[in-house]
N, C-alpha and C. Protein backbone atom coordinates (compact mmCIF):
# COMPACT_ATOMS: atom_id res chain seq x y z
N MET A 1 49.44 20.73 44.05
CA MET A 1 48.99 21.03 42.71
C MET A 1 47.99 19.94 42.29
N ALA A 2 46.83 20.41 41.81
CA ALA A 2 45.80 19.46 41.39
C ALA A 2 46.17 18.90 40.03
N HIS A 3 45.91 17.66 39.92
CA HIS A 3 46.30 17.14 38.62
C HIS A 3 45.09 16.83 37.75
N ALA A 4 45.25 17.14 36.49
CA ALA A 4 44.15 17.05 35.53
C ALA A 4 43.80 15.59 35.27
N ARG A 5 42.53 15.34 35.20
CA ARG A 5 42.05 14.00 34.90
C ARG A 5 41.89 13.82 33.41
N LYS A 6 42.28 12.71 32.96
CA LYS A 6 42.08 12.41 31.55
C LYS A 6 40.65 11.91 31.37
N THR A 7 40.02 12.41 30.34
CA THR A 7 38.66 11.93 30.07
C THR A 7 38.73 10.87 28.99
N THR A 8 37.95 9.87 29.18
CA THR A 8 37.90 8.81 28.17
C THR A 8 36.57 8.89 27.46
N HIS A 9 36.61 8.76 26.20
CA HIS A 9 35.40 8.84 25.39
C HIS A 9 34.94 7.46 24.93
N SER A 10 35.26 6.48 25.67
CA SER A 10 34.89 5.13 25.27
C SER A 10 33.53 4.71 25.82
N ARG A 11 32.86 5.62 26.51
CA ARG A 11 31.52 5.27 27.01
C ARG A 11 30.54 5.11 25.86
N LYS A 12 29.60 4.26 26.09
CA LYS A 12 28.57 4.08 25.08
C LYS A 12 27.64 5.28 25.12
N THR A 13 27.17 5.70 23.95
CA THR A 13 26.29 6.88 23.89
C THR A 13 24.93 6.59 24.50
N SER A 14 24.51 5.35 24.49
CA SER A 14 23.20 5.03 25.06
C SER A 14 23.21 5.12 26.59
N ALA A 15 24.38 5.10 27.18
CA ALA A 15 24.47 5.18 28.63
C ALA A 15 24.31 6.62 29.13
N ARG A 16 24.44 7.58 28.24
CA ARG A 16 24.30 8.98 28.64
C ARG A 16 22.85 9.33 28.92
N LYS A 17 22.66 10.17 29.89
CA LYS A 17 21.32 10.62 30.19
C LYS A 17 21.02 11.85 29.36
N SER A 18 19.83 11.92 28.88
CA SER A 18 19.43 13.06 28.07
C SER A 18 19.10 14.24 28.97
N THR A 19 19.52 15.40 28.58
CA THR A 19 19.23 16.60 29.35
C THR A 19 17.98 17.29 28.84
N ARG A 20 17.44 16.80 27.75
CA ARG A 20 16.21 17.40 27.19
C ARG A 20 15.01 16.95 28.00
N ARG A 21 14.04 17.84 28.11
CA ARG A 21 12.81 17.50 28.82
C ARG A 21 11.89 16.70 27.92
N ALA A 22 11.19 15.80 28.52
CA ALA A 22 10.25 14.97 27.75
C ALA A 22 9.06 15.83 27.32
N ALA A 23 8.59 15.57 26.12
CA ALA A 23 7.42 16.30 25.61
C ALA A 23 6.18 15.85 26.36
N PRO A 24 5.18 16.72 26.47
CA PRO A 24 3.94 16.31 27.14
C PRO A 24 3.34 15.10 26.45
N LYS A 25 2.77 14.21 27.23
CA LYS A 25 2.23 12.97 26.67
C LYS A 25 1.08 13.20 25.69
N ARG A 26 0.20 14.13 26.03
CA ARG A 26 -0.99 14.33 25.22
C ARG A 26 -1.06 15.73 24.66
N TRP A 27 -0.12 16.07 23.80
CA TRP A 27 -0.10 17.41 23.23
C TRP A 27 -1.33 17.64 22.36
N SER A 28 -1.84 16.59 21.74
CA SER A 28 -3.01 16.76 20.87
C SER A 28 -4.24 17.14 21.69
N GLN A 29 -4.32 16.65 22.92
CA GLN A 29 -5.43 17.03 23.80
C GLN A 29 -5.32 18.50 24.17
N ARG A 30 -4.09 18.94 24.44
CA ARG A 30 -3.87 20.35 24.78
C ARG A 30 -4.20 21.24 23.59
N VAL A 31 -3.82 20.81 22.39
CA VAL A 31 -4.12 21.57 21.18
C VAL A 31 -5.63 21.70 21.01
N THR A 32 -6.34 20.62 21.22
CA THR A 32 -7.79 20.62 21.05
C THR A 32 -8.46 21.57 22.04
N LYS A 33 -7.98 21.60 23.27
CA LYS A 33 -8.60 22.44 24.29
C LYS A 33 -8.21 23.91 24.20
N GLU A 34 -6.94 24.19 23.90
CA GLU A 34 -6.44 25.55 23.99
C GLU A 34 -6.36 26.30 22.68
N SER A 35 -6.37 25.60 21.58
CA SER A 35 -6.21 26.29 20.29
C SER A 35 -7.57 26.79 19.80
N ASP A 36 -7.57 27.35 18.62
CA ASP A 36 -8.81 27.82 18.03
C ASP A 36 -9.51 26.67 17.30
N ALA A 37 -9.64 25.59 17.99
CA ALA A 37 -10.31 24.41 17.45
C ALA A 37 -11.81 24.56 17.67
N LEU A 38 -12.56 23.64 17.14
CA LEU A 38 -14.01 23.68 17.31
C LEU A 38 -14.41 23.21 18.70
N ASP A 39 -15.56 23.66 19.13
CA ASP A 39 -16.14 23.17 20.37
C ASP A 39 -17.01 21.97 20.01
N LEU A 40 -16.47 20.78 20.17
CA LEU A 40 -17.17 19.56 19.78
C LEU A 40 -17.80 18.85 20.96
N LYS A 41 -18.92 18.22 20.68
CA LYS A 41 -19.56 17.39 21.68
C LYS A 41 -18.72 16.13 21.84
N GLN A 42 -18.61 15.64 23.07
CA GLN A 42 -17.78 14.46 23.32
C GLN A 42 -18.35 13.23 22.61
N GLY A 43 -17.48 12.43 22.01
CA GLY A 43 -17.90 11.19 21.36
C GLY A 43 -18.37 11.35 19.92
N VAL A 44 -18.20 12.52 19.33
CA VAL A 44 -18.66 12.76 17.95
C VAL A 44 -18.04 11.77 16.98
N PHE A 45 -16.77 11.50 17.12
CA PHE A 45 -16.07 10.65 16.16
C PHE A 45 -16.35 9.17 16.36
N LYS A 46 -17.05 8.81 17.41
CA LYS A 46 -17.37 7.41 17.67
C LYS A 46 -18.80 7.05 17.29
N LEU A 47 -19.51 7.98 16.66
CA LEU A 47 -20.88 7.72 16.24
C LEU A 47 -20.90 6.62 15.17
N THR A 48 -22.08 6.04 14.95
CA THR A 48 -22.17 4.82 14.15
C THR A 48 -22.24 4.99 12.64
N SER A 49 -22.53 6.18 12.15
CA SER A 49 -22.57 6.36 10.70
C SER A 49 -21.88 7.66 10.29
N ALA A 50 -21.51 7.72 9.03
CA ALA A 50 -20.82 8.89 8.50
C ALA A 50 -21.71 10.13 8.58
N LYS A 51 -23.00 9.97 8.31
CA LYS A 51 -23.94 11.11 8.37
C LYS A 51 -24.08 11.62 9.79
N LYS A 52 -24.10 10.68 10.75
CA LYS A 52 -24.23 11.07 12.16
C LYS A 52 -22.98 11.78 12.67
N ILE A 53 -21.85 11.54 12.03
CA ILE A 53 -20.60 12.22 12.39
C ILE A 53 -20.56 13.60 11.74
N ALA A 54 -20.95 13.67 10.47
CA ALA A 54 -20.89 14.92 9.71
C ALA A 54 -21.84 15.98 10.24
N ALA A 55 -23.04 15.58 10.66
CA ALA A 55 -24.04 16.56 11.11
C ALA A 55 -23.59 17.37 12.34
N PRO A 56 -23.13 16.73 13.43
CA PRO A 56 -22.68 17.53 14.57
C PRO A 56 -21.40 18.33 14.27
N LEU A 57 -20.54 17.80 13.38
CA LEU A 57 -19.35 18.55 12.99
C LEU A 57 -19.76 19.85 12.30
N LYS A 58 -20.72 19.75 11.40
CA LYS A 58 -21.20 20.93 10.68
C LYS A 58 -21.83 21.92 11.66
N ARG A 59 -22.68 21.41 12.53
CA ARG A 59 -23.35 22.27 13.52
C ARG A 59 -22.33 22.97 14.41
N SER A 60 -21.34 22.24 14.89
CA SER A 60 -20.31 22.82 15.75
C SER A 60 -19.48 23.87 15.01
N ALA A 61 -19.16 23.57 13.76
CA ALA A 61 -18.35 24.50 12.97
C ALA A 61 -19.10 25.80 12.71
N GLU A 62 -20.38 25.70 12.46
CA GLU A 62 -21.18 26.90 12.17
C GLU A 62 -21.42 27.75 13.40
N HIS A 63 -21.47 27.13 14.57
CA HIS A 63 -21.78 27.87 15.79
C HIS A 63 -20.57 28.21 16.66
N SER A 64 -19.41 27.69 16.31
CA SER A 64 -18.22 27.91 17.12
C SER A 64 -17.67 29.32 16.96
N ALA A 65 -17.31 29.91 18.06
CA ALA A 65 -16.67 31.23 18.05
C ALA A 65 -15.15 31.09 18.09
N ARG A 66 -14.67 29.87 18.17
CA ARG A 66 -13.24 29.62 18.32
C ARG A 66 -12.52 29.37 17.00
N ARG A 67 -13.24 29.33 15.89
CA ARG A 67 -12.59 29.00 14.62
C ARG A 67 -12.05 30.25 13.93
N LYS A 68 -10.98 30.06 13.16
CA LYS A 68 -10.36 31.17 12.44
C LYS A 68 -10.78 31.20 10.97
N THR A 69 -11.04 30.04 10.39
CA THR A 69 -11.38 29.97 8.97
C THR A 69 -12.87 29.69 8.81
N GLY A 70 -13.27 29.39 7.59
CA GLY A 70 -14.67 29.08 7.32
C GLY A 70 -15.12 27.80 8.03
N ALA A 71 -16.42 27.64 8.13
CA ALA A 71 -17.00 26.50 8.85
C ALA A 71 -16.61 25.17 8.21
N TYR A 72 -16.70 25.07 6.88
CA TYR A 72 -16.37 23.81 6.20
C TYR A 72 -14.92 23.42 6.45
N ARG A 73 -14.04 24.38 6.26
CA ARG A 73 -12.62 24.10 6.43
C ARG A 73 -12.29 23.69 7.87
N SER A 74 -12.91 24.34 8.83
CA SER A 74 -12.68 24.01 10.23
C SER A 74 -13.16 22.60 10.57
N ALA A 75 -14.35 22.27 10.09
CA ALA A 75 -14.91 20.94 10.37
C ALA A 75 -14.06 19.85 9.73
N LEU A 76 -13.68 20.05 8.49
CA LEU A 76 -12.85 19.07 7.79
C LEU A 76 -11.48 18.94 8.45
N SER A 77 -10.94 20.06 8.87
CA SER A 77 -9.64 20.06 9.53
C SER A 77 -9.69 19.27 10.84
N MET A 78 -10.75 19.43 11.61
CA MET A 78 -10.88 18.72 12.88
C MET A 78 -11.03 17.22 12.65
N LEU A 79 -11.77 16.85 11.64
CA LEU A 79 -11.94 15.43 11.30
C LEU A 79 -10.61 14.82 10.87
N THR A 80 -9.88 15.51 10.02
CA THR A 80 -8.58 15.04 9.57
C THR A 80 -7.59 14.96 10.73
N PHE A 81 -7.63 15.94 11.61
CA PHE A 81 -6.77 15.95 12.80
C PHE A 81 -7.00 14.69 13.63
N TYR A 82 -8.27 14.34 13.85
CA TYR A 82 -8.60 13.16 14.63
C TYR A 82 -8.07 11.88 13.95
N ILE A 83 -8.28 11.78 12.66
CA ILE A 83 -7.82 10.59 11.92
C ILE A 83 -6.30 10.46 11.99
N ASN A 84 -5.62 11.57 11.78
CA ASN A 84 -4.15 11.54 11.78
C ASN A 84 -3.58 11.23 13.16
N ARG A 85 -4.16 11.78 14.21
CA ARG A 85 -3.66 11.54 15.56
C ARG A 85 -3.91 10.11 16.01
N ALA A 86 -4.98 9.51 15.54
CA ALA A 86 -5.26 8.12 15.91
C ALA A 86 -4.25 7.18 15.27
N GLY A 87 -3.81 7.52 14.08
CA GLY A 87 -2.78 6.75 13.40
C GLY A 87 -3.14 5.29 13.21
N LYS A 88 -2.20 4.42 13.50
CA LYS A 88 -2.37 2.99 13.28
C LYS A 88 -3.31 2.34 14.30
N THR A 89 -3.58 3.04 15.39
CA THR A 89 -4.45 2.45 16.42
C THR A 89 -5.93 2.53 16.06
N LEU A 90 -6.25 3.31 15.05
CA LEU A 90 -7.65 3.45 14.62
C LEU A 90 -8.08 2.20 13.85
N PRO A 91 -9.12 1.51 14.32
CA PRO A 91 -9.58 0.31 13.61
C PRO A 91 -10.01 0.65 12.18
N GLN A 92 -9.82 -0.27 11.26
CA GLN A 92 -10.11 -0.03 9.85
C GLN A 92 -11.58 0.33 9.62
N THR A 93 -12.49 -0.28 10.35
CA THR A 93 -13.91 0.03 10.17
C THR A 93 -14.21 1.48 10.55
N GLN A 94 -13.60 1.93 11.65
CA GLN A 94 -13.82 3.31 12.07
C GLN A 94 -13.14 4.28 11.11
N ARG A 95 -11.95 3.94 10.63
CA ARG A 95 -11.24 4.79 9.67
C ARG A 95 -12.08 4.97 8.40
N THR A 96 -12.66 3.86 7.92
CA THR A 96 -13.51 3.91 6.72
C THR A 96 -14.72 4.81 6.98
N ARG A 97 -15.33 4.67 8.14
CA ARG A 97 -16.49 5.48 8.51
C ARG A 97 -16.12 6.97 8.54
N LEU A 98 -14.96 7.28 9.10
CA LEU A 98 -14.52 8.67 9.18
C LEU A 98 -14.17 9.24 7.81
N GLU A 99 -13.61 8.41 6.94
CA GLU A 99 -13.31 8.86 5.58
C GLU A 99 -14.62 9.14 4.83
N ARG A 100 -15.64 8.31 5.06
CA ARG A 100 -16.96 8.56 4.46
C ARG A 100 -17.59 9.82 5.04
N ALA A 101 -17.29 10.11 6.30
CA ALA A 101 -17.81 11.32 6.94
C ALA A 101 -17.27 12.57 6.25
N LYS A 102 -16.05 12.49 5.72
CA LYS A 102 -15.50 13.61 4.95
C LYS A 102 -16.38 13.91 3.73
N VAL A 103 -16.80 12.84 3.05
CA VAL A 103 -17.66 12.99 1.87
C VAL A 103 -19.01 13.56 2.28
N GLU A 104 -19.56 13.06 3.38
CA GLU A 104 -20.85 13.55 3.88
C GLU A 104 -20.75 15.02 4.30
N LEU A 105 -19.64 15.38 4.88
CA LEU A 105 -19.41 16.77 5.29
C LEU A 105 -19.38 17.68 4.06
N LYS A 106 -18.75 17.21 3.02
CA LYS A 106 -18.68 17.95 1.77
C LYS A 106 -20.10 18.16 1.21
N ARG A 107 -20.90 17.11 1.25
CA ARG A 107 -22.30 17.21 0.78
C ARG A 107 -23.10 18.17 1.66
N ALA A 108 -22.92 18.07 2.96
CA ALA A 108 -23.68 18.91 3.90
C ALA A 108 -23.41 20.40 3.68
N PHE A 109 -22.20 20.72 3.26
CA PHE A 109 -21.84 22.12 3.01
C PHE A 109 -22.06 22.52 1.55
N GLY A 110 -22.59 21.59 0.74
CA GLY A 110 -22.86 21.89 -0.67
C GLY A 110 -21.60 22.08 -1.49
N ARG A 111 -20.57 21.36 -1.18
CA ARG A 111 -19.28 21.49 -1.88
C ARG A 111 -19.02 20.33 -2.81
N GLU A 112 -20.02 19.63 -3.21
CA GLU A 112 -19.86 18.45 -4.06
C GLU A 112 -19.63 18.79 -5.49
């Protein structure tokens, strides 16, 4: 006759292995490529002035076949997405430039 083993629950919870799968490392990259995001030229967000950032965003938004909403909303959404995903790693000078690009984008679309 097999005898039942007593289980002890005194193990530490941190010693348990998780059975959940790890999330993909770069989900934001996948979202950008596969979703109905804009078709942006590489390096747009690293340009040196707010106007230089807003102009290609506007151009991409107006010519993109991948967007679901209006051009202004899509461009602003993509800019905000980039700022939010960068989080704390975004240098303050670049963050300020990107925030000014939002204002320039608003002007470019005549939404002032």
